[in-house]
Amino acid sequence: MDDEIGGTADEARYRTLIEAITDYAIYMLDPEGRITSWNPGAERLKGYTEQEIVGRHFSTFYTEEDRADGLPARALEAAASEGRFEREGWRLRKDGSRFWANVIIDPIRNSYGELIGFAKITRDISEKRAAQEAIFQAQKMEAVGQLTGGLAHDFNNLLMAILGSLEIAKKRAVRPDVIDLIDNAIQGAQRGATLTQRLLAFSRRQELQLGPVDVKQLVVGMTELMRRTIGPEIFISTEFSSELPSIRTDSNQLESALLNLVVNARDAMPGGGEITITAGLRYDRPDSSSLPPGEYVCLSVRDQGEGMDAKTLASATTPFFTTKGVGKGTGLGLPMVHGLMAQSGGALVLKSVVGEGTTAELWLPVADKSEMATIAPVAPEVPLEPAPTALTVLAVDDDALVLMNTALLLEDLGMETIQASSGEEALAALQTGVLPDVVITDHAMPNMTGARLCQEIRARYPTLPIILATGYAELPDGVGDLQDVVRLSKPFSQAQLSRSLAEACQGGRCF
């Protein structure tokens, strides 16, 4: 080949140019695919020196699967017949490691049009591919989050109707066997409510009480609960850095997330083993996340289990994905943890090697110093006085089943109800009828949301107590100014409804 294309001053300049390029592997092949030249970029990228590789077939760089599929030969045939071959795929370095490559093969012909070889350019685009996959994963998770958040809201309304009816049915049931059946149904519906809370957590729509949390104190306080949960076959050890700062998150939700990770670790070690919980201060951020620079506490749970392959690891935080078998896992545990971390300004990072176990890292931001300075001691909770029973309550909900059950729960408490199926209908009732003692409204309603209705009521009737029933964490701008609006999470029980009424009526505001 060199005899036919080399020996000129132009070729010397060409070689000087090629040898100066170190970011690309640029080399020549003979018509059969054997390597005839090798630039420094190729040595840097693939690990072979020129002496080691010249004369060998370029299929050396292909994976075993691609060689078995005949890809190297097809690449040369395509380049020769079509004038160029370009593709992305896995390629191998000398040490056996893989990288994601962009490959271009161009045919070289002499002045008679005869094929005398190929020019090949290979570029490592692993970082670009990783960035594209991260963007795709984030978009996918966002789309799934929006879907699951909507499903959770609709499911909560169904559970609201079921639980409300079951509560009243239990009160009115006489036969013990019927009461037992109702109790079973209530437990099943409550398990469904737990699933919806996990869906809302994943979609970042659960209501959080963010504040400073002492990680070491939280873990130590949970140790006995974790040991009872996982059984005697598993040993738990803990390691904490000294001078560990507080983090900013919801302590109750973090406890739930940590317990979930510990149970997952136990399930990965059916024959027993050790779970190690560690926490340390980090001044960087995990490579695989988009967290802003800052100080983080990394709380990790490490097991000695069977580990996960790359495919399983990539799907681990996808809702409803589980490796535990039918009936043994919901596939919502890790998505819930992922959602909590995102809502807390942190990240869930999973690391796993088949046969070597899994480490789940919870990266959480350090609590702001000003927030730590202003935190007040927790005052003992003052019991609420029961709400008056002779109240008139305006109940607002666009779901007819939920509205009917809310009215049923209120009337069973001895209260009179006015019902409205929209914000507009509720305002009309307030303008034309007798003013109620309390308003309880759903948030997620079409046309006029419950939050907007609260604003309208507050503007027109400043002293009228309001309860906003919602399962969502975020509400439109301006609602945060309505500090005296009582929040009630759906689905709610009759006892929770009664407590919210008592809270709304504090200070004699109900008349």
Protein backbone atom coordinates (compact mmCIF):
# COMPACT_ATOMS: atom_id res chain seq x y z
CA MET A 1 0.00 0.00 0.00
CA ASP A 2 2.77 2.44 0.94
CA ASP A 3 4.39 1.93 -2.47
CA GLU A 4 1.23 3.08 -4.19
CA ILE A 5 0.29 6.10 -2.08
CA GLY A 6 3.49 7.14 -0.31
CA GLY A 7 6.90 8.63 -0.88
CA THR A 8 5.85 12.21 -1.62
CA ALA A 9 6.29 15.48 0.28
CA ASP A 10 2.49 15.62 0.60
CA GLU A 11 2.49 12.25 2.34
CA ALA A 12 5.16 13.46 4.76
CA ARG A 13 3.04 16.46 5.69
CA TYR A 14 0.02 14.17 5.96
CA ARG A 15 1.87 11.84 8.35
CA THR A 16 3.02 14.80 10.45
CA LEU A 17 -0.58 15.95 10.76
CA ILE A 18 -1.92 12.50 11.65
CA GLU A 19 0.77 11.89 14.25
CA ALA A 20 -0.03 15.21 15.92
CA ILE A 21 -3.63 14.13 16.54
CA THR A 22 -3.99 12.33 19.87
CA ASP A 23 -7.76 12.51 20.48
CA TYR A 24 -8.64 10.26 17.54
CA ALA A 25 -7.39 6.84 16.53
CA ILE A 26 -6.45 7.24 12.85
CA TYR A 27 -4.93 4.30 11.00
CA MET A 28 -4.85 2.53 7.65
CA LEU A 29 -6.00 -0.96 6.64
CA ASP A 30 -5.11 -3.07 3.64
CA PRO A 31 -7.99 -4.41 1.50
CA GLU A 32 -8.34 -7.48 3.79
CA GLY A 33 -8.56 -5.38 6.97
CA ARG A 34 -5.02 -5.78 8.30
CA ILE A 35 -3.56 -2.71 10.01
CA THR A 36 -0.76 -0.98 8.08
CA SER A 37 -0.28 2.28 10.06
CA TRP A 38 -0.93 3.51 13.59
CA ASN A 39 -1.01 7.05 14.98
CA PRO A 40 -0.32 8.17 18.60
CA GLY A 41 -4.03 8.77 19.13
CA ALA A 42 -4.71 5.12 18.34
CA GLU A 43 -2.06 4.03 20.84
CA ARG A 44 -3.54 6.30 23.53
CA LEU A 45 -7.10 5.19 22.88
CA LYS A 46 -6.61 1.46 22.39
CA GLY A 47 -3.44 0.74 24.36
CA TYR A 48 -1.43 -1.01 21.62
CA THR A 49 1.93 0.25 20.42
CA GLU A 50 2.57 0.40 16.69
CA GLN A 51 4.93 -2.59 16.92
CA GLU A 52 2.25 -4.67 18.68
CA ILE A 53 -0.63 -4.00 16.34
CA VAL A 54 0.57 -3.40 12.77
CA GLY A 55 -0.13 -6.49 10.69
CA ARG A 56 -3.01 -7.69 12.86
CA HIS A 57 -6.63 -7.65 11.70
CA PHE A 58 -8.74 -4.71 12.83
CA SER A 59 -11.42 -7.10 14.14
CA THR A 60 -9.15 -7.35 17.20
CA PHE A 61 -10.95 -4.26 18.52
CA TYR A 62 -14.46 -5.70 18.12
CA THR A 63 -16.37 -7.54 20.82
CA GLU A 64 -16.76 -11.29 20.60
CA GLU A 65 -20.46 -10.85 19.81
CA ASP A 66 -19.74 -8.49 16.90
CA ARG A 67 -17.05 -10.78 15.50
CA ALA A 68 -19.41 -13.76 15.65
CA ASP A 69 -22.03 -11.66 13.85
CA GLY A 70 -19.59 -10.82 11.05
CA LEU A 71 -19.69 -7.05 11.68
CA PRO A 72 -16.02 -6.32 10.76
CA ALA A 73 -16.38 -7.90 7.31
CA ARG A 74 -19.72 -6.18 6.70
CA ALA A 75 -18.18 -2.84 7.68
CA LEU A 76 -15.47 -3.17 5.01
CA GLU A 77 -17.99 -4.33 2.40
CA ALA A 78 -20.26 -1.37 3.15
CA ALA A 79 -17.37 1.10 2.98
CA ALA A 80 -16.19 -0.32 -0.36
CA SER A 81 -19.64 -0.43 -1.96
CA GLU A 82 -21.23 2.71 -0.49
CA GLY A 83 -18.19 4.96 -0.18
CA ARG A 84 -18.29 5.23 3.65
CA PHE A 85 -19.23 3.23 6.74
CA GLU A 86 -20.15 5.00 10.00
CA ARG A 87 -21.53 3.47 13.17
CA GLU A 88 -21.41 3.61 16.97
CA GLY A 89 -20.77 0.57 19.14
CA TRP A 90 -18.66 -1.09 21.80
CA ARG A 91 -14.95 -1.52 21.08
CA LEU A 92 -12.18 -3.18 23.07
CA ARG A 93 -8.90 -1.86 24.42
CA LYS A 94 -5.77 -3.93 24.88
CA ASP A 95 -6.62 -4.48 28.56
CA GLY A 96 -10.04 -5.89 27.61
CA SER A 97 -12.02 -2.85 28.80
CA ARG A 98 -14.82 -1.54 26.62
CA PHE A 99 -15.53 1.96 25.38
CA TRP A 100 -18.35 3.38 23.27
CA ALA A 101 -16.92 4.41 19.92
CA ASN A 102 -17.89 6.38 16.85
CA VAL A 103 -16.26 4.61 13.87
CA ILE A 104 -15.76 5.87 10.31
CA ILE A 105 -14.25 3.75 7.52
CA ASP A 106 -13.49 5.29 4.12
CA PRO A 107 -12.20 3.32 1.11
CA ILE A 108 -8.91 4.37 -0.54
CA ARG A 109 -8.56 3.83 -4.29
CA ASN A 110 -5.72 4.44 -6.72
CA SER A 111 -5.92 6.53 -9.85
CA TYR A 112 -7.43 3.53 -11.69
CA GLY A 113 -10.28 3.23 -9.16
CA GLU A 114 -8.89 0.03 -7.67
CA LEU A 115 -9.36 -0.51 -3.94
CA ILE A 116 -5.98 -0.38 -2.21
CA GLY A 117 -7.11 -0.10 1.42
CA PHE A 118 -9.15 1.78 3.98
CA ALA A 119 -8.73 4.79 6.23
CA LYS A 120 -10.26 4.28 9.67
CA ILE A 121 -11.06 6.87 12.35
CA THR A 122 -12.24 5.86 15.83
CA ARG A 123 -13.36 8.30 18.52
CA ASP A 124 -14.20 7.51 22.17
CA ILE A 125 -17.64 9.04 22.86
CA SER A 126 -18.35 7.21 26.12
CA GLU A 127 -18.85 10.46 28.06
CA LYS A 128 -21.22 11.83 25.42
CA ARG A 129 -23.24 8.61 25.46
CA ALA A 130 -23.36 8.62 29.26
CA ALA A 131 -24.62 12.21 29.22
CA GLN A 132 -27.28 11.35 26.63
CA GLU A 133 -28.38 8.34 28.67
CA ALA A 134 -28.55 10.47 31.81
CA ILE A 135 -30.75 13.01 30.01
CA PHE A 136 -32.94 10.25 28.61
CA GLN A 137 -33.23 8.59 32.03
CA ALA A 138 -34.15 11.92 33.64
CA GLN A 139 -36.79 12.58 30.98
CA LYS A 140 -38.18 9.07 31.35
CA MET A 141 -38.34 9.35 35.13
CA GLU A 142 -40.01 12.76 34.86
CA ALA A 143 -42.63 11.38 32.48
CA VAL A 144 -43.24 8.34 34.66
CA GLY A 145 -43.37 10.61 37.71
CA GLN A 146 -46.09 12.75 36.16
CA LEU A 147 -48.05 9.63 35.21
CA THR A 148 -47.75 7.99 38.63
CA GLY A 149 -48.59 11.25 40.41
CA GLY A 150 -51.83 11.48 38.43
CA LEU A 151 -52.60 7.82 39.05
CA ALA A 152 -51.94 8.24 42.77
CA HIS A 153 -54.36 11.15 42.97
CA ASP A 154 -57.13 9.22 41.22
CA PHE A 155 -56.41 6.11 43.28
CA ASN A 156 -56.54 8.17 46.48
CA ASN A 157 -60.03 9.34 45.56
CA LEU A 158 -61.13 5.73 45.08
CA LEU A 159 -59.60 4.74 48.40
CA MET A 160 -61.25 7.74 50.05
CA ALA A 161 -64.66 6.44 48.96
CA ILE A 162 -63.84 2.85 49.99
CA LEU A 163 -62.37 3.68 53.39
CA GLY A 164 -65.11 6.17 54.27
CA SER A 165 -67.85 3.68 53.47
CA LEU A 166 -66.07 0.88 55.33
CA GLU A 167 -65.67 3.02 58.46
CA ILE A 168 -69.37 3.79 58.60
CA ALA A 169 -70.29 0.18 57.74
CA LYS A 170 -68.13 -1.06 60.63
CA LYS A 171 -69.88 1.29 63.04
CA ARG A 172 -73.27 0.01 61.94
CA ALA A 173 -72.38 -3.68 61.69
CA VAL A 174 -73.67 -5.98 64.45
CA ARG A 175 -72.39 -9.48 63.65
CA PRO A 176 -68.76 -10.08 64.74
CA ASP A 177 -67.94 -12.04 61.58
CA VAL A 178 -69.09 -9.11 59.42
CA ILE A 179 -66.94 -6.71 61.47
CA ASP A 180 -63.94 -8.99 60.90
CA LEU A 181 -64.55 -8.92 57.16
CA ILE A 182 -64.80 -5.14 57.20
CA ASP A 183 -61.53 -4.93 59.18
CA ASN A 184 -59.83 -7.05 56.50
CA ALA A 185 -61.16 -4.76 53.79
CA ILE A 186 -59.96 -1.67 55.69
CA GLN A 187 -56.47 -3.16 56.06
CA GLY A 188 -56.35 -3.88 52.34
CA ALA A 189 -57.44 -0.35 51.48
CA GLN A 190 -54.87 1.08 53.89
CA ARG A 191 -52.16 -0.95 52.15
CA GLY A 192 -53.36 0.61 48.90
CA ALA A 193 -53.03 4.04 50.52
CA THR A 194 -49.43 3.20 51.43
CA LEU A 195 -48.73 2.35 47.79
CA THR A 196 -50.17 5.66 46.65
CA GLN A 197 -47.95 7.48 49.13
CA ARG A 198 -44.96 5.74 47.57
CA LEU A 199 -46.15 6.75 44.13
CA LEU A 200 -46.48 10.34 45.31
CA ALA A 201 -43.02 10.12 46.85
CA PHE A 202 -41.56 8.93 43.55
CA SER A 203 -43.33 11.66 41.60
CA ARG A 204 -42.14 14.22 44.19
CA ARG A 205 -45.69 15.18 45.17
CA GLN A 206 -45.77 13.99 48.75
CA GLU A 207 -46.00 16.56 51.49
CA LEU A 208 -42.69 16.85 53.33
CA GLN A 209 -41.80 18.50 56.63
CA LEU A 210 -38.25 19.57 55.79
CA GLY A 211 -35.95 20.48 58.65
CA PRO A 212 -32.58 19.74 60.26
CA VAL A 213 -32.05 16.04 61.01
CA ASP A 214 -29.23 14.46 63.04
CA VAL A 215 -28.32 11.41 60.93
CA LYS A 216 -26.46 9.54 63.65
CA GLN A 217 -29.26 10.07 66.16
CA LEU A 218 -31.85 8.95 63.60
CA VAL A 219 -30.00 5.73 62.73
CA VAL A 220 -29.24 4.86 66.34
CA GLY A 221 -32.89 5.45 67.24
CA MET A 222 -33.96 3.05 64.47
CA THR A 223 -31.46 0.29 65.18
CA GLU A 224 -33.73 -1.82 67.38
CA LEU A 225 -36.64 -1.48 64.91
CA MET A 226 -34.38 -2.51 62.02
CA ARG A 227 -33.07 -5.55 63.90
CA ARG A 228 -36.58 -6.71 64.74
CA THR A 229 -37.62 -6.20 61.11
CA ILE A 230 -34.79 -8.11 59.41
CA GLY A 231 -34.45 -11.00 61.86
CA PRO A 232 -31.54 -12.65 63.71
CA GLU A 233 -29.74 -14.00 60.60
CA ILE A 234 -28.58 -10.52 59.60
CA PHE A 235 -26.04 -8.47 61.57
CA ILE A 236 -26.16 -4.67 61.39
CA SER A 237 -23.01 -2.60 61.89
CA THR A 238 -22.73 1.19 61.81
CA GLU A 239 -19.88 3.58 61.09
CA PHE A 240 -20.18 7.35 61.48
CA SER A 241 -17.73 10.15 60.84
CA SER A 242 -16.99 12.39 63.79
CA GLU A 243 -18.47 15.91 63.78
CA LEU A 244 -21.24 14.86 61.39
CA PRO A 245 -23.44 17.90 60.57
CA SER A 246 -27.22 17.80 60.40
CA ILE A 247 -28.92 17.34 57.05
CA ARG A 248 -32.09 18.93 55.69
CA THR A 249 -34.87 16.45 54.97
CA ASP A 250 -38.08 14.96 56.38
CA SER A 251 -37.05 12.75 59.30
CA ASN A 252 -40.11 10.47 59.12
CA GLN A 253 -39.70 9.90 55.40
CA LEU A 254 -35.95 9.33 55.79
CA GLU A 255 -36.66 6.67 58.42
CA SER A 256 -39.04 4.97 55.98
CA ALA A 257 -36.45 5.17 53.18
CA LEU A 258 -33.67 3.77 55.38
CA LEU A 259 -35.86 0.91 56.59
CA ASN A 260 -36.75 0.13 52.97
CA LEU A 261 -33.06 -0.05 52.00
CA VAL A 262 -32.28 -2.29 54.96
CA VAL A 263 -35.11 -4.67 54.04
CA ASN A 264 -33.84 -4.76 50.43
CA ALA A 265 -30.36 -5.59 51.74
CA ARG A 266 -31.79 -8.40 53.86
CA ASP A 267 -33.70 -9.84 50.89
CA ALA A 268 -30.45 -9.86 48.89
CA MET A 269 -28.88 -12.15 51.53
CA PRO A 270 -31.30 -15.06 52.03
CA GLY A 271 -28.57 -17.05 53.77
CA GLY A 272 -27.73 -14.27 56.21
CA GLY A 273 -24.87 -11.79 56.29
CA GLU A 274 -23.93 -8.29 57.38
CA ILE A 275 -25.49 -4.93 56.57
CA THR A 276 -23.20 -1.93 57.08
CA ILE A 277 -24.71 1.52 57.54
CA THR A 278 -22.25 4.39 57.24
CA ALA A 279 -22.50 8.18 57.17
CA GLY A 280 -19.84 10.71 56.30
CA LEU A 281 -19.42 14.31 55.18
CA ARG A 282 -18.61 14.86 51.49
CA TYR A 283 -17.37 18.08 49.94
CA ASP A 284 -17.92 16.88 46.39
CA ARG A 285 -20.90 15.24 44.71
CA PRO A 286 -21.54 11.84 43.11
CA ASP A 287 -20.30 11.64 39.52
CA SER A 288 -23.57 10.16 38.25
CA SER A 289 -25.81 12.95 39.56
CA SER A 290 -26.57 16.53 38.62
CA LEU A 291 -26.40 17.84 42.19
CA PRO A 292 -24.93 21.32 42.57
CA PRO A 293 -21.55 21.64 44.30
CA GLY A 294 -21.76 21.86 48.07
CA GLU A 295 -21.55 19.96 51.32
CA TYR A 296 -23.44 16.67 51.55
CA VAL A 297 -23.80 13.86 54.04
CA CYS A 298 -23.63 10.47 52.35
CA LEU A 299 -25.70 7.89 54.24
CA SER A 300 -25.09 4.44 52.76
CA VAL A 301 -26.43 0.93 53.22
CA ARG A 302 -24.09 -1.86 52.04
CA ASP A 303 -24.91 -5.57 51.83
CA GLN A 304 -22.97 -8.72 51.00
CA GLY A 305 -25.63 -10.10 48.69
CA GLU A 306 -25.72 -11.36 45.15
CA GLY A 307 -25.53 -7.91 43.57
CA MET A 308 -27.12 -6.66 40.35
CA ASP A 309 -25.98 -6.71 36.75
CA ALA A 310 -25.90 -3.50 34.71
CA LYS A 311 -29.35 -4.05 33.19
CA THR A 312 -31.02 -4.68 36.56
CA LEU A 313 -29.20 -1.74 38.13
CA ALA A 314 -30.40 0.60 35.38
CA SER A 315 -34.04 -0.40 36.05
CA ALA A 316 -33.87 -0.47 39.85
CA THR A 317 -35.57 2.90 40.41
CA THR A 318 -38.25 2.40 37.75
CA PRO A 319 -41.71 2.09 39.35
CA PHE A 320 -43.10 -1.45 39.60
CA PHE A 321 -39.78 -3.06 38.58
CA THR A 322 -38.86 -5.80 41.05
CA THR A 323 -36.70 -8.91 41.15
CA LYS A 324 -38.47 -10.37 44.19
CA GLY A 325 -41.09 -12.35 42.32
CA VAL A 326 -44.85 -12.05 42.08
CA GLY A 327 -46.48 -11.04 45.36
CA LYS A 328 -43.16 -10.42 47.13
CA GLY A 329 -42.43 -6.84 46.13
CA THR A 330 -44.29 -3.82 44.80
CA GLY A 331 -41.42 -2.31 42.86
CA LEU A 332 -42.08 1.02 44.57
CA GLY A 333 -39.52 0.99 47.40
CA LEU A 334 -36.51 2.38 45.54
CA PRO A 335 -38.63 4.78 43.44
CA MET A 336 -39.96 6.16 46.73
CA VAL A 337 -36.42 6.66 48.02
CA HIS A 338 -35.42 8.25 44.70
CA GLY A 339 -38.34 10.70 44.94
CA LEU A 340 -37.58 11.61 48.56
CA MET A 341 -33.96 12.34 47.71
CA ALA A 342 -34.93 14.53 44.76
CA GLN A 343 -37.51 16.41 46.83
CA SER A 344 -34.93 16.95 49.59
CA GLY A 345 -32.33 18.33 47.18
CA GLY A 346 -30.26 15.16 47.29
CA ALA A 347 -29.73 12.01 45.24
CA LEU A 348 -29.97 8.23 45.43
CA VAL A 349 -26.86 6.52 44.03
CA LEU A 350 -26.82 2.74 43.56
CA LYS A 351 -23.59 0.78 43.12
CA SER A 352 -23.58 -2.96 42.59
CA VAL A 353 -21.37 -5.78 41.32
CA VAL A 354 -22.70 -9.27 40.66
CA GLY A 355 -21.48 -11.56 43.42
CA GLU A 356 -20.11 -8.72 45.54
CA GLY A 357 -23.23 -6.99 46.87
CA THR A 358 -24.92 -3.61 46.56
CA THR A 359 -24.41 -0.21 48.13
CA ALA A 360 -27.23 2.32 48.22
CA GLU A 361 -26.04 5.86 48.93
CA LEU A 362 -28.34 8.66 50.10
CA TRP A 363 -26.70 12.00 49.35
CA LEU A 364 -28.42 14.75 51.34
CA PRO A 365 -27.53 18.44 51.63
CA VAL A 366 -26.15 19.76 54.90
CA ALA A 367 -28.67 21.90 56.78
CA ASP A 368 -28.22 25.64 56.38
CA LYS A 369 -26.43 27.24 59.34
CA SER A 370 -29.02 30.01 59.63
CA GLU A 371 -31.75 27.38 59.76
CA MET A 372 -29.86 25.53 62.50
CA ALA A 373 -29.45 28.77 64.46
CA THR A 374 -33.13 29.63 64.36
CA ILE A 375 -34.52 26.21 65.15
CA ALA A 376 -36.53 26.32 68.35
CA PRO A 377 -36.92 23.55 70.91
CA VAL A 378 -39.89 21.33 70.20
CA ALA A 379 -42.75 22.34 72.46
CA PRO A 380 -44.95 19.59 73.90
CA GLU A 381 -48.03 19.03 71.77
CA VAL A 382 -51.15 20.54 73.30
CA PRO A 383 -54.17 18.24 72.89
CA LEU A 384 -56.86 19.73 70.69
CA GLU A 385 -60.29 20.33 72.06
CA PRO A 386 -62.86 18.25 70.14
CA ALA A 387 -64.64 20.13 67.38
CA PRO A 388 -68.23 21.12 68.14
CA THR A 389 -70.65 18.55 66.75
CA ALA A 390 -73.40 21.02 65.86
CA LEU A 391 -71.55 22.45 62.87
CA THR A 392 -72.60 23.17 59.33
CA VAL A 393 -69.82 22.17 56.92
CA LEU A 394 -69.57 23.06 53.24
CA ALA A 395 -67.89 20.04 51.53
CA VAL A 396 -66.44 20.63 48.05
CA ASP A 397 -65.16 17.89 45.73
CA ASP A 398 -65.54 17.23 42.00
CA ASP A 399 -65.56 13.45 42.59
CA ALA A 400 -69.12 12.43 43.43
CA LEU A 401 -68.06 9.32 45.39
CA VAL A 402 -65.58 11.25 47.52
CA LEU A 403 -68.07 14.05 48.11
CA MET A 404 -70.74 11.57 49.19
CA ASN A 405 -68.38 9.79 51.58
CA THR A 406 -67.03 13.02 53.05
CA ALA A 407 -70.61 14.10 53.75
CA LEU A 408 -71.35 10.67 55.22
CA LEU A 409 -68.37 10.92 57.61
CA LEU A 410 -69.38 14.44 58.66
CA GLU A 411 -73.03 13.55 59.21
CA ASP A 412 -72.00 10.51 61.25
CA LEU A 413 -70.13 12.97 63.50
CA GLY A 414 -73.43 14.83 64.01
CA MET A 415 -72.82 17.67 61.58
CA GLU A 416 -74.96 19.17 58.85
CA THR A 417 -73.48 19.34 55.36
CA ILE A 418 -73.80 21.49 52.26
CA GLN A 419 -72.33 19.85 49.18
CA ALA A 420 -70.72 21.44 46.12
CA SER A 421 -69.04 19.72 43.18
CA SER A 422 -66.87 22.65 42.05
CA GLY A 423 -65.23 25.82 43.29
CA GLU A 424 -67.72 27.94 41.40
CA GLU A 425 -70.66 26.05 42.93
CA ALA A 426 -69.13 26.48 46.39
CA LEU A 427 -68.82 30.27 45.97
CA ALA A 428 -72.39 30.44 44.77
CA ALA A 429 -73.53 28.52 47.86
CA LEU A 430 -71.63 30.92 50.11
CA GLN A 431 -73.18 33.96 48.45
CA THR A 432 -76.81 32.80 48.41
CA GLY A 433 -77.16 30.61 51.46
CA VAL A 434 -76.44 30.64 55.16
CA LEU A 435 -72.72 30.92 55.82
CA PRO A 436 -71.35 27.54 57.03
CA ASP A 437 -69.11 27.13 60.07
CA VAL A 438 -66.30 25.41 58.14
CA VAL A 439 -65.36 24.73 54.50
CA ILE A 440 -63.52 21.54 53.50
CA THR A 441 -62.40 21.42 49.88
CA ASP A 442 -60.43 19.14 47.62
CA HIS A 443 -57.48 20.73 45.85
CA ALA A 444 -57.22 18.98 42.46
CA MET A 445 -60.44 20.18 40.81
CA PRO A 446 -60.88 21.42 37.22
CA ASN A 447 -61.39 25.11 36.36
CA MET A 448 -60.98 26.36 39.92
CA THR A 449 -58.61 24.42 42.17
CA GLY A 450 -59.16 24.08 45.88
CA ALA A 451 -56.17 26.34 46.49
CA ARG A 452 -57.73 29.06 44.34
CA LEU A 453 -61.05 28.58 46.12
CA CYS A 454 -59.26 29.09 49.46
CA GLN A 455 -57.91 32.41 48.19
CA GLU A 456 -61.36 33.54 47.04
CA ILE A 457 -62.97 32.57 50.34
CA ARG A 458 -60.25 34.27 52.37
CA ALA A 459 -60.70 37.47 50.37
CA ARG A 460 -64.49 37.51 50.86
CA TYR A 461 -64.89 35.84 54.27
CA PRO A 462 -61.60 36.40 56.17
CA THR A 463 -62.63 34.57 59.35
CA LEU A 464 -64.25 31.48 57.78
CA PRO A 465 -62.22 28.35 58.75
CA ILE A 466 -61.00 26.29 55.76
CA ILE A 467 -59.63 22.75 55.41
CA LEU A 468 -57.74 21.90 52.19
CA ALA A 469 -57.73 18.17 51.44
CA THR A 470 -54.88 17.07 49.15
CA GLY A 471 -52.21 14.45 48.66
CA TYR A 472 -49.89 16.79 46.80
CA ALA A 473 -46.82 18.50 48.22
CA GLU A 474 -46.67 21.45 45.88
CA LEU A 475 -49.43 24.03 45.55
CA PRO A 476 -49.67 27.13 43.37
CA ASP A 477 -47.89 30.35 44.31
CA GLY A 478 -49.72 32.38 46.91
CA VAL A 479 -51.23 29.46 48.81
CA GLY A 480 -48.30 29.50 51.18
CA ASP A 481 -49.56 32.88 52.43
CA LEU A 482 -52.74 31.22 53.73
CA GLN A 483 -51.09 30.04 56.90
CA ASP A 484 -54.37 29.37 58.71
CA VAL A 485 -55.71 26.95 56.10
CA VAL A 486 -55.62 23.46 57.64
CA ARG A 487 -54.10 20.78 55.40
CA LEU A 488 -55.63 17.27 55.35
CA SER A 489 -53.97 14.46 53.43
CA LYS A 490 -56.11 12.13 51.31
CA PRO A 491 -57.31 9.49 51.86
CA PHE A 492 -58.30 10.50 55.37
CA SER A 493 -60.11 8.60 58.10
CA GLN A 494 -63.02 9.90 60.15
CA ALA A 495 -60.65 10.43 63.09
CA GLN A 496 -58.28 12.49 60.93
CA LEU A 497 -61.20 14.49 59.59
CA SER A 498 -62.42 15.15 63.11
CA ARG A 499 -58.96 16.29 64.21
CA SER A 500 -58.71 18.67 61.25
CA LEU A 501 -62.10 20.15 62.16
CA ALA A 502 -60.90 20.64 65.72
CA GLU A 503 -57.73 22.34 64.44
CA ALA A 504 -59.74 24.61 62.14
CA CYS A 505 -62.03 25.55 65.04
CA GLN A 506 -59.22 26.42 67.49
CA GLY A 507 -59.74 29.69 69.33
CA GLY A 508 -63.50 29.54 69.01
CA ARG A 509 -63.48 30.40 65.30
CA CYS A 510 -66.40 28.06 64.56
CA PHE A 511 -69.73 29.62 65.47
